[in-house]
Amino acid sequence: MLRKEINELLTETDAGKPMGDMFRQYWIPALLASELPEDDCPPTRVKLLGERLIAFRDSKGRYGLMDEFCAHRGVSLWFGRNEEDGLRCPYHGWKYDYTGQCIEVPSEPEESGFCAKIKLKGYPLIKVGDVLWTHMGEKEDRPPAPIWEFATVPPEQTYSSKRWQECNWLQAMEGGIDSSHVSFLHSGGLKTDPLFRGAKGNTYNENDKKPVFEVVESDGGLHIGARRNAEEGHYYWRVTPWIMPSFTMVPPRGDHPMHGHFWIPIDDHNCWAWSFDYHPTRALSPTERQAMEDGYGVHNQYVPGTFRPLQNKDNDYLMDREAQKRGDSYSGIWGIAMQDASLQESMGPIVDRTKENLVSTDNGIIMARHRLRKAVVALRDKGVQPPGRTPEHQLVRSAARVLPPEEPFGDAMKDDLTARPGVKQTSV
């Protein structure tokens, strides 16, 4: 369990809150590049870390992310006209460039210099892969641009999506580093999901529902190893990397694409669950890409025109009790992504961790909380930058492998857990 004050320390992410300040030290995914598909396209609303923002792409292709509201009388700039290198408020014509600097106030004489005094809070917005990333911290502390493997392989090898998840970021992220639930919650999906089925490792998941966890610290976070019995006294290892504060990767299955997540706070009660699939050595097949677009694997279907899942708490996630009874779906909910999200949201907006009873399979979660707390306090009290910000921390992979019992996964799988261009993932 966690004391109430520690739970609050790790879950509150608005500006001025210690965890909010820590998230602001990283480049975080803000939008899919497809949300701003062309120059002078309509702006889009973005909410991150409790801040209401507007994103747009100007006439020269430059991306802007700034305060949603006009500095004049607070009109939302979502209604703005995106034209001639700036976003113009339709109320009185005030115009802002992609940095948030006001460049026109029609009612004031140009020689007055009034424009120069008006600037909305703005953040950088850069495209890496099919994602637009932002850094919401101080410019002088800005880390290098992200180089995650999923975002730097050729476009035909990768696919990203996001969904609105109606709970705090931490309980969503903790689901991403919990391998023990796979043998139960996702047991049906291992047999039927086109992005999971057919792998030899699925058999080990099905036959051994009592994994033993070993957790090894890495420079950027943790390597969380789940060990199950395999043939001839060997062990089947599935190793999940967690890079601070909220990047996780799911261990691969067969030659299926690798996949993972970022869990980015919208506010204290909601988060963006970013999901990606990629293959390091080949293009995604048309069948694989279609499955991702159809909501299989770690992706999901949407309410039309939104990023809210089609299955959501208002319709009880379209739960099918008959499918649950038959065993088609262990929980009665379709899709691996929404099987996770439904249970994480069921805990409430912020789960009360003072009531928990943790066990040995929760060791990864326990150690992640410890590292988060240690890093948050060091940043708050001493200004020490947290781990996970530098490029070498981002060159990671998840991996699955069968090892003899005398070989520790931390030593035997060191290369497997490192992103290596042109080298296939280690999988079972």
Protein backbone atom coordinates (compact mmCIF):
# COMPACT_ATOMS: atom_id res chain seq x y z
CA MET A 1 0.00 0.00 0.00
CA LEU A 2 0.95 3.66 -0.25
CA ARG A 3 0.38 6.39 2.28
CA LYS A 4 -2.17 8.98 1.16
CA GLU A 5 0.42 11.73 0.82
CA ILE A 6 2.66 9.56 -1.38
CA ASN A 7 -0.29 8.59 -3.56
CA GLU A 8 -1.05 12.29 -4.05
CA LEU A 9 2.61 13.07 -4.77
CA LEU A 10 2.71 10.52 -7.62
CA THR A 11 -0.71 11.18 -9.15
CA GLU A 12 -1.13 14.98 -9.17
CA THR A 13 0.35 16.45 -12.36
CA ASP A 14 -0.89 20.03 -12.77
CA ALA A 15 1.65 22.85 -13.06
CA GLY A 16 3.36 23.46 -9.72
CA LYS A 17 2.79 19.91 -8.49
CA PRO A 18 6.01 17.89 -8.09
CA MET A 19 4.96 15.10 -10.49
CA GLY A 20 3.65 17.67 -12.95
CA ASP A 21 7.00 19.40 -12.83
CA MET A 22 8.75 16.10 -13.48
CA PHE A 23 6.66 15.30 -16.55
CA ARG A 24 7.60 18.74 -17.82
CA GLN A 25 11.27 17.68 -17.94
CA TYR A 26 10.59 15.23 -20.83
CA TRP A 27 9.54 15.35 -24.44
CA ILE A 28 6.04 13.86 -24.34
CA PRO A 29 3.68 12.88 -27.17
CA ALA A 30 1.10 15.61 -27.69
CA LEU A 31 -0.73 14.79 -30.95
CA LEU A 32 -0.70 12.38 -33.83
CA ALA A 33 0.85 14.08 -36.85
CA SER A 34 -2.35 13.23 -38.72
CA GLU A 35 -4.26 15.66 -36.48
CA LEU A 36 -2.48 18.55 -38.24
CA PRO A 37 -2.22 17.08 -41.73
CA GLU A 38 -1.38 20.15 -43.81
CA ASP A 39 -0.37 23.80 -43.70
CA ASP A 40 -3.15 26.16 -42.54
CA CYS A 41 -5.39 23.24 -41.53
CA PRO A 42 -7.91 23.77 -38.70
CA PRO A 43 -6.40 24.07 -35.22
CA THR A 44 -7.05 21.38 -32.64
CA ARG A 45 -7.57 21.44 -28.89
CA VAL A 46 -5.01 19.72 -26.67
CA LYS A 47 -5.08 19.24 -22.91
CA LEU A 48 -1.89 18.11 -21.20
CA LEU A 49 -0.82 18.18 -17.56
CA GLY A 50 -3.91 20.19 -16.64
CA GLU A 51 -3.29 22.91 -19.26
CA ARG A 52 -5.80 23.73 -22.01
CA LEU A 53 -3.81 24.36 -25.19
CA ILE A 54 -4.34 24.84 -28.91
CA ALA A 55 -2.17 23.33 -31.63
CA PHE A 56 -1.90 24.52 -35.23
CA ARG A 57 0.30 24.30 -38.32
CA ASP A 58 1.04 27.58 -40.06
CA SER A 59 1.48 28.49 -43.72
CA LYS A 60 5.16 27.49 -43.66
CA GLY A 61 4.51 24.11 -42.03
CA ARG A 62 5.68 25.19 -38.57
CA TYR A 63 3.86 23.58 -35.64
CA GLY A 64 2.61 25.68 -32.75
CA LEU A 65 1.31 24.71 -29.29
CA MET A 66 0.10 27.50 -27.02
CA ASP A 67 -2.49 28.65 -24.51
CA GLU A 68 -5.96 27.99 -25.93
CA PHE A 69 -7.35 31.41 -25.00
CA CYS A 70 -6.84 34.78 -26.65
CA ALA A 71 -5.06 37.30 -24.42
CA HIS A 72 -7.67 39.94 -25.20
CA ARG A 73 -10.90 38.63 -23.62
CA GLY A 74 -10.35 34.92 -23.31
CA VAL A 75 -11.97 33.56 -26.48
CA SER A 76 -10.97 30.00 -27.36
CA LEU A 77 -8.62 30.07 -30.34
CA TRP A 78 -10.12 26.79 -31.54
CA PHE A 79 -12.53 29.13 -33.36
CA GLY A 80 -9.58 30.96 -34.89
CA ARG A 81 -8.72 31.48 -38.56
CA ASN A 82 -5.46 29.77 -39.50
CA GLU A 83 -4.08 32.02 -42.24
CA GLU A 84 -0.92 33.75 -43.46
CA ASP A 85 1.54 32.42 -40.88
CA GLY A 86 -0.67 32.84 -37.86
CA LEU A 87 -3.83 32.03 -35.94
CA ARG A 88 -6.31 34.91 -35.80
CA CYS A 89 -8.97 35.25 -33.12
CA PRO A 90 -12.34 35.72 -34.90
CA TYR A 91 -13.69 38.03 -32.20
CA HIS A 92 -11.52 41.12 -32.66
CA GLY A 93 -8.81 39.92 -35.05
CA TRP A 94 -5.86 39.53 -32.69
CA LYS A 95 -3.34 37.27 -34.42
CA TYR A 96 -0.62 34.99 -32.99
CA ASP A 97 2.33 33.24 -34.59
CA TYR A 98 3.33 29.62 -33.93
CA THR A 99 5.31 30.59 -30.80
CA GLY A 100 2.31 32.35 -29.20
CA GLN A 101 3.67 35.82 -29.94
CA CYS A 102 0.96 38.33 -30.86
CA ILE A 103 1.72 39.80 -34.31
CA GLU A 104 -1.40 41.84 -35.07
CA VAL A 105 -3.91 43.87 -33.04
CA PRO A 106 -6.04 45.61 -35.68
CA SER A 107 -7.46 48.21 -33.28
CA GLU A 108 -4.06 49.52 -32.18
CA PRO A 109 -1.62 51.60 -34.25
CA GLU A 110 1.39 49.56 -35.35
CA GLU A 111 3.83 52.16 -34.07
CA SER A 112 2.50 51.74 -30.52
CA GLY A 113 4.42 48.48 -30.13
CA PHE A 114 1.47 46.97 -28.30
CA CYS A 115 1.80 43.60 -30.08
CA ALA A 116 5.31 43.04 -28.79
CA LYS A 117 4.01 43.10 -25.23
CA ILE A 118 1.46 40.30 -25.79
CA LYS A 119 2.59 36.69 -25.84
CA LEU A 120 0.66 33.56 -24.98
CA LYS A 121 2.40 30.76 -23.17
CA GLY A 122 3.79 28.50 -25.89
CA TYR A 123 5.65 25.23 -26.15
CA PRO A 124 7.76 23.69 -28.91
CA LEU A 125 6.05 21.08 -31.08
CA ILE A 126 8.22 18.82 -33.23
CA LYS A 127 7.48 15.86 -35.49
CA VAL A 128 9.37 12.63 -34.87
CA GLY A 129 7.84 9.65 -36.64
CA ASP A 130 4.06 9.92 -36.84
CA VAL A 131 3.85 11.77 -33.51
CA LEU A 132 4.10 15.46 -32.56
CA TRP A 133 6.09 15.91 -29.34
CA THR A 134 6.28 18.77 -26.88
CA HIS A 135 8.49 19.81 -24.00
CA MET A 136 6.62 21.86 -21.40
CA GLY A 137 9.56 22.63 -19.15
CA GLU A 138 12.17 25.36 -19.16
CA LYS A 139 14.06 25.86 -22.42
CA GLU A 140 17.46 25.73 -20.74
CA ASP A 141 16.66 22.26 -19.36
CA ARG A 142 15.31 20.86 -22.64
CA PRO A 143 16.63 17.35 -23.42
CA PRO A 144 17.57 16.15 -26.93
CA ALA A 145 14.72 15.26 -29.28
CA PRO A 146 13.26 11.75 -28.74
CA ILE A 147 14.78 8.80 -30.62
CA TRP A 148 12.50 5.93 -29.57
CA GLU A 149 12.86 3.11 -32.09
CA PHE A 150 9.15 3.00 -32.99
CA ALA A 151 9.36 6.67 -34.01
CA THR A 152 12.58 6.43 -36.04
CA VAL A 153 12.07 3.32 -38.19
CA PRO A 154 10.72 3.94 -41.72
CA PRO A 155 7.02 4.92 -41.83
CA GLU A 156 5.96 1.62 -43.40
CA GLN A 157 7.28 -0.23 -40.32
CA THR A 158 5.31 1.61 -37.62
CA TYR A 159 1.78 2.57 -36.53
CA SER A 160 0.64 4.74 -33.61
CA SER A 161 -2.71 5.52 -32.02
CA LYS A 162 -4.03 7.18 -28.89
CA ARG A 163 -7.14 6.94 -26.77
CA TRP A 164 -8.70 8.97 -24.00
CA GLN A 165 -8.62 6.93 -20.80
CA GLU A 166 -10.82 8.07 -17.93
CA CYS A 167 -8.50 7.50 -14.99
CA ASN A 168 -5.27 8.80 -13.53
CA TRP A 169 -2.09 8.13 -15.51
CA LEU A 170 -0.42 6.06 -12.77
CA GLN A 171 -2.95 3.24 -12.52
CA ALA A 172 -2.96 3.01 -16.32
CA MET A 173 0.84 2.84 -16.44
CA GLU A 174 0.96 0.26 -13.66
CA GLY A 175 -1.23 -1.97 -15.83
CA GLY A 176 1.39 -1.67 -18.54
CA ILE A 177 4.13 -3.18 -16.35
CA ASP A 178 1.98 -5.95 -14.87
CA SER A 179 2.65 -9.16 -16.82
CA SER A 180 0.86 -11.49 -14.41
CA HIS A 181 -2.64 -10.54 -15.60
CA VAL A 182 -1.96 -11.72 -19.17
CA SER A 183 -2.61 -15.38 -18.32
CA PHE A 184 -6.09 -14.44 -17.08
CA LEU A 185 -7.47 -11.23 -18.58
CA HIS A 186 -5.99 -11.68 -22.06
CA SER A 187 -6.12 -15.48 -22.27
CA GLY A 188 -8.82 -15.36 -24.94
CA GLY A 189 -7.01 -12.73 -26.98
CA LEU A 190 -3.81 -14.79 -27.11
CA LYS A 191 -5.77 -17.36 -29.13
CA THR A 192 -7.82 -15.06 -31.36
CA ASP A 193 -6.19 -11.63 -31.74
CA PRO A 194 -4.42 -11.50 -35.13
CA LEU A 195 -1.54 -9.48 -33.63
CA PHE A 196 -0.91 -12.04 -30.85
CA ARG A 197 -2.06 -15.50 -31.88
CA GLY A 198 0.11 -18.36 -33.06
CA ALA A 199 3.24 -17.61 -31.01
CA LYS A 200 4.92 -20.42 -29.07
CA GLY A 201 5.14 -18.13 -26.04
CA ASN A 202 1.35 -18.11 -25.78
CA THR A 203 1.46 -21.75 -24.71
CA TYR A 204 3.78 -20.92 -21.84
CA ASN A 205 1.43 -18.14 -20.73
CA GLU A 206 -1.51 -20.52 -20.78
CA ASN A 207 0.26 -23.39 -18.99
CA ASP A 208 1.86 -21.41 -16.16
CA LYS A 209 -0.38 -18.86 -14.50
CA LYS A 210 1.98 -18.25 -11.57
CA PRO A 211 4.87 -16.21 -12.94
CA VAL A 212 7.87 -15.40 -10.79
CA PHE A 213 8.99 -11.79 -11.06
CA GLU A 214 12.53 -10.46 -11.00
CA VAL A 215 13.18 -6.75 -11.41
CA VAL A 216 16.50 -5.21 -12.46
CA GLU A 217 17.17 -1.48 -12.34
CA SER A 218 18.30 0.18 -15.56
CA ASP A 219 19.74 3.65 -16.05
CA GLY A 220 16.40 4.94 -17.32
CA GLY A 221 14.00 2.90 -15.20
CA LEU A 222 13.48 -0.84 -14.78
CA HIS A 223 13.62 -4.16 -16.61
CA ILE A 224 10.74 -6.23 -15.25
CA GLY A 225 11.16 -9.93 -15.90
CA ALA A 226 8.27 -12.41 -15.63
CA ARG A 227 9.45 -16.03 -15.53
CA ARG A 228 7.29 -19.01 -16.45
CA ASN A 229 8.09 -22.67 -16.83
CA ALA A 230 8.99 -23.93 -20.30
CA GLU A 231 10.10 -27.35 -21.55
CA GLU A 232 12.97 -29.45 -20.15
CA GLY A 233 13.40 -27.41 -16.99
CA HIS A 234 13.99 -24.14 -18.87
CA TYR A 235 12.30 -20.83 -18.14
CA TYR A 236 10.29 -18.62 -20.50
CA TRP A 237 11.17 -15.01 -19.76
CA ARG A 238 9.09 -12.01 -20.80
CA VAL A 239 10.90 -8.76 -20.03
CA THR A 240 9.11 -5.40 -19.94
CA PRO A 241 11.21 -2.23 -19.98
CA TRP A 242 9.82 0.77 -18.15
CA ILE A 243 11.51 4.09 -18.86
CA MET A 244 10.65 6.97 -16.58
CA PRO A 245 8.17 8.36 -16.20
CA SER A 246 5.64 6.48 -18.32
CA PHE A 247 7.06 4.54 -21.30
CA THR A 248 6.39 0.79 -21.33
CA MET A 249 6.86 -1.96 -23.91
CA VAL A 250 5.01 -5.27 -24.12
CA PRO A 251 7.26 -8.29 -24.74
CA PRO A 252 6.88 -9.56 -28.32
CA ARG A 253 5.24 -12.75 -29.55
CA GLY A 254 6.66 -14.65 -32.50
CA ASP A 255 7.28 -12.43 -35.52
CA HIS A 256 4.36 -10.16 -34.65
CA PRO A 257 5.24 -6.45 -34.41
CA MET A 258 6.45 -5.16 -31.06
CA HIS A 259 4.18 -2.80 -29.19
CA GLY A 260 4.04 -0.50 -26.22
CA HIS A 261 2.64 2.63 -24.63
CA PHE A 262 3.10 6.08 -23.20
CA TRP A 263 0.70 7.14 -20.44
CA ILE A 264 0.44 10.94 -20.53
CA PRO A 265 -1.67 12.90 -18.03
CA ILE A 266 -4.48 15.05 -19.40
CA ASP A 267 -5.34 16.05 -15.84
CA ASP A 268 -5.45 14.17 -12.55
CA HIS A 269 -8.53 12.15 -13.57
CA ASN A 270 -7.77 11.43 -17.24
CA CYS A 271 -4.84 10.42 -19.39
CA TRP A 272 -3.85 9.79 -22.98
CA ALA A 273 -3.00 6.15 -23.56
CA TRP A 274 -0.61 6.25 -26.51
CA SER A 275 -0.12 2.90 -28.25
CA PHE A 276 2.38 1.93 -30.93
CA ASP A 277 3.26 -1.11 -33.01
CA TYR A 278 6.40 -1.49 -35.10
CA HIS A 279 8.69 -4.08 -36.59
CA PRO A 280 12.42 -3.28 -36.59
CA THR A 281 13.32 -5.14 -39.79
CA ARG A 282 10.30 -5.21 -42.10
CA ALA A 283 7.25 -3.29 -43.22
CA LEU A 284 3.96 -3.96 -41.49
CA SER A 285 1.84 -6.13 -43.74
CA PRO A 286 -1.47 -4.76 -45.06
CA THR A 287 -3.24 -7.33 -42.86
CA GLU A 288 -1.35 -6.19 -39.75
CA ARG A 289 -1.96 -2.52 -40.41
CA GLN A 290 -5.65 -3.15 -41.03
CA ALA A 291 -5.89 -5.09 -37.77
CA MET A 292 -4.38 -2.13 -35.92
CA GLU A 293 -6.81 0.28 -37.57
CA ASP A 294 -9.66 -2.07 -36.63
CA GLY A 295 -8.72 -1.94 -32.94
CA TYR A 296 -6.87 -5.21 -32.44
CA GLY A 297 -3.75 -5.67 -30.36
CA VAL A 298 -3.02 -2.65 -28.17
CA HIS A 299 -5.28 -0.36 -30.23
CA ASN A 300 -9.03 0.22 -30.06
CA GLN A 301 -12.15 1.42 -31.88
CA TYR A 302 -13.48 4.95 -31.40
CA VAL A 303 -16.66 6.91 -31.03
CA PRO A 304 -16.75 8.53 -34.50
CA GLY A 305 -14.91 11.83 -34.68
CA THR A 306 -13.26 11.44 -31.26
CA PHE A 307 -10.46 9.63 -29.48
CA ARG A 308 -12.89 8.21 -26.92
CA PRO A 309 -13.14 4.41 -27.16
CA LEU A 310 -16.32 3.02 -28.64
CA GLN A 311 -16.40 0.75 -25.58
CA ASN A 312 -16.51 3.05 -22.56
CA LYS A 313 -17.91 3.32 -19.05
CA ASP A 314 -21.19 4.82 -20.30
CA ASN A 315 -22.06 1.59 -22.12
CA ASP A 316 -20.32 -0.79 -19.67
CA TYR A 317 -17.65 -1.39 -22.33
CA LEU A 318 -20.20 -3.42 -24.34
CA MET A 319 -19.57 -6.30 -21.96
CA ASP A 320 -20.85 -9.68 -23.20
CA ARG A 321 -21.66 -11.96 -20.26
CA GLU A 322 -22.36 -14.89 -22.56
CA ALA A 323 -18.92 -14.59 -24.16
CA GLN A 324 -17.46 -14.43 -20.65
CA LYS A 325 -19.34 -17.57 -19.64
CA ARG A 326 -18.29 -19.45 -22.79
CA GLY A 327 -14.67 -18.50 -22.30
CA ASP A 328 -14.41 -16.58 -25.58
CA SER A 329 -13.33 -13.58 -23.52
CA TYR A 330 -12.15 -13.99 -19.93
CA SER A 331 -13.74 -10.68 -18.89
CA GLY A 332 -16.50 -10.53 -21.50
CA ILE A 333 -14.98 -7.39 -23.02
CA TRP A 334 -13.70 -7.36 -26.58
CA GLY A 335 -10.15 -6.34 -27.35
CA ILE A 336 -6.93 -6.44 -25.37
CA ALA A 337 -6.69 -2.66 -25.07
CA MET A 338 -10.18 -2.23 -23.65
CA GLN A 339 -9.88 -5.25 -21.37
CA ASP A 340 -7.08 -3.31 -19.68
CA ALA A 341 -8.73 0.12 -19.81
CA SER A 342 -12.07 -1.08 -18.45
CA LEU A 343 -10.51 -2.51 -15.29
CA GLN A 344 -8.16 0.42 -14.77
CA GLU A 345 -11.07 2.85 -15.07
CA SER A 346 -13.17 0.68 -12.73
CA MET A 347 -10.76 1.60 -9.91
CA GLY A 348 -12.08 5.17 -10.01
CA PRO A 349 -10.44 8.39 -11.19
CA ILE A 350 -7.55 7.91 -8.73
CA VAL A 351 -7.34 4.55 -6.98
CA ASP A 352 -6.99 4.64 -3.18
CA ARG A 353 -3.67 2.84 -2.77
CA THR A 354 -3.93 2.87 1.02
CA LYS A 355 -6.34 -0.08 0.67
CA GLU A 356 -4.11 -2.31 -1.48
CA ASN A 357 -2.73 -5.72 -0.57
CA LEU A 358 0.25 -6.23 -2.86
CA VAL A 359 1.93 -9.59 -3.56
CA SER A 360 5.16 -10.82 -5.11
CA THR A 361 3.93 -10.38 -8.69
CA ASP A 362 3.59 -6.65 -7.95
CA ASN A 363 7.35 -6.20 -7.46
CA GLY A 364 7.70 -4.23 -10.67
CA ILE A 365 4.95 -1.84 -9.60
CA ILE A 366 6.47 -1.46 -6.14
CA MET A 367 9.92 -0.63 -7.54
CA ALA A 368 8.51 1.75 -10.16
CA ARG A 369 6.69 3.70 -7.47
CA HIS A 370 9.89 3.83 -5.43
CA ARG A 371 11.93 5.17 -8.33
CA LEU A 372 9.25 7.72 -9.23
CA ARG A 373 9.04 8.96 -5.67
CA LYS A 374 12.82 9.19 -5.35
CA ALA A 375 13.12 11.13 -8.62
CA VAL A 376 10.24 13.49 -7.86
CA VAL A 377 11.66 14.38 -4.45
CA ALA A 378 15.18 14.88 -5.88
CA LEU A 379 13.82 17.25 -8.54
CA ARG A 380 11.61 19.11 -6.07
CA ASP A 381 14.14 19.46 -3.27
CA LYS A 382 17.49 19.57 -5.09
CA GLY A 383 16.75 20.35 -8.73
CA VAL A 384 18.24 17.04 -9.85
CA GLN A 385 17.03 16.06 -13.33
CA PRO A 386 15.24 12.67 -13.43
CA PRO A 387 16.40 9.59 -15.39
CA GLY A 388 15.00 8.65 -18.79
CA ARG A 389 15.59 11.97 -20.57
CA THR A 390 18.67 11.13 -22.62
CA PRO A 391 18.86 9.28 -25.95
CA GLU A 392 20.69 6.24 -24.58
CA HIS A 393 17.79 5.59 -22.20
CA GLN A 394 15.40 5.45 -25.16
CA LEU A 395 17.26 2.77 -27.14
CA VAL A 396 15.35 -0.08 -25.50
CA ARG A 397 13.30 -3.07 -26.54
CA SER A 398 11.13 -5.60 -24.83
CA ALA A 399 12.10 -9.22 -25.34
CA ALA A 400 10.98 -12.80 -24.79
CA ARG A 401 13.36 -15.74 -24.56
CA VAL A 402 13.72 -19.27 -23.19
CA LEU A 403 16.75 -19.64 -20.90
CA PRO A 404 18.27 -22.40 -18.79
CA PRO A 405 17.59 -21.87 -15.08
CA GLU A 406 21.17 -20.94 -14.21
CA GLU A 407 21.22 -17.90 -16.56
CA PRO A 408 19.93 -14.62 -15.03
CA PHE A 409 17.85 -12.73 -17.56
CA GLY A 410 19.61 -9.45 -16.73
CA ASP A 411 22.91 -10.79 -18.04
CA ALA A 412 21.72 -13.18 -20.75
CA MET A 413 19.28 -10.73 -22.37
CA LYS A 414 21.28 -7.50 -22.19
CA ASP A 415 21.66 -7.23 -25.99
CA ASP A 416 18.08 -8.39 -26.56
CA LEU A 417 16.81 -5.44 -24.53
CA THR A 418 18.74 -2.88 -26.60
CA ALA A 419 17.41 -1.36 -29.81
CA ARG A 420 19.74 -2.31 -32.64
CA PRO A 421 18.95 -0.99 -36.13
CA GLY A 422 18.39 -3.74 -38.66
CA VAL A 423 18.37 -6.49 -36.03
CA LYS A 424 15.20 -8.48 -35.48
CA GLN A 425 13.53 -8.54 -32.06
CA THR A 426 14.17 -11.44 -29.67
CA SER A 427 10.90 -13.29 -29.38
CA VAL A 428 9.27 -16.68 -28.77
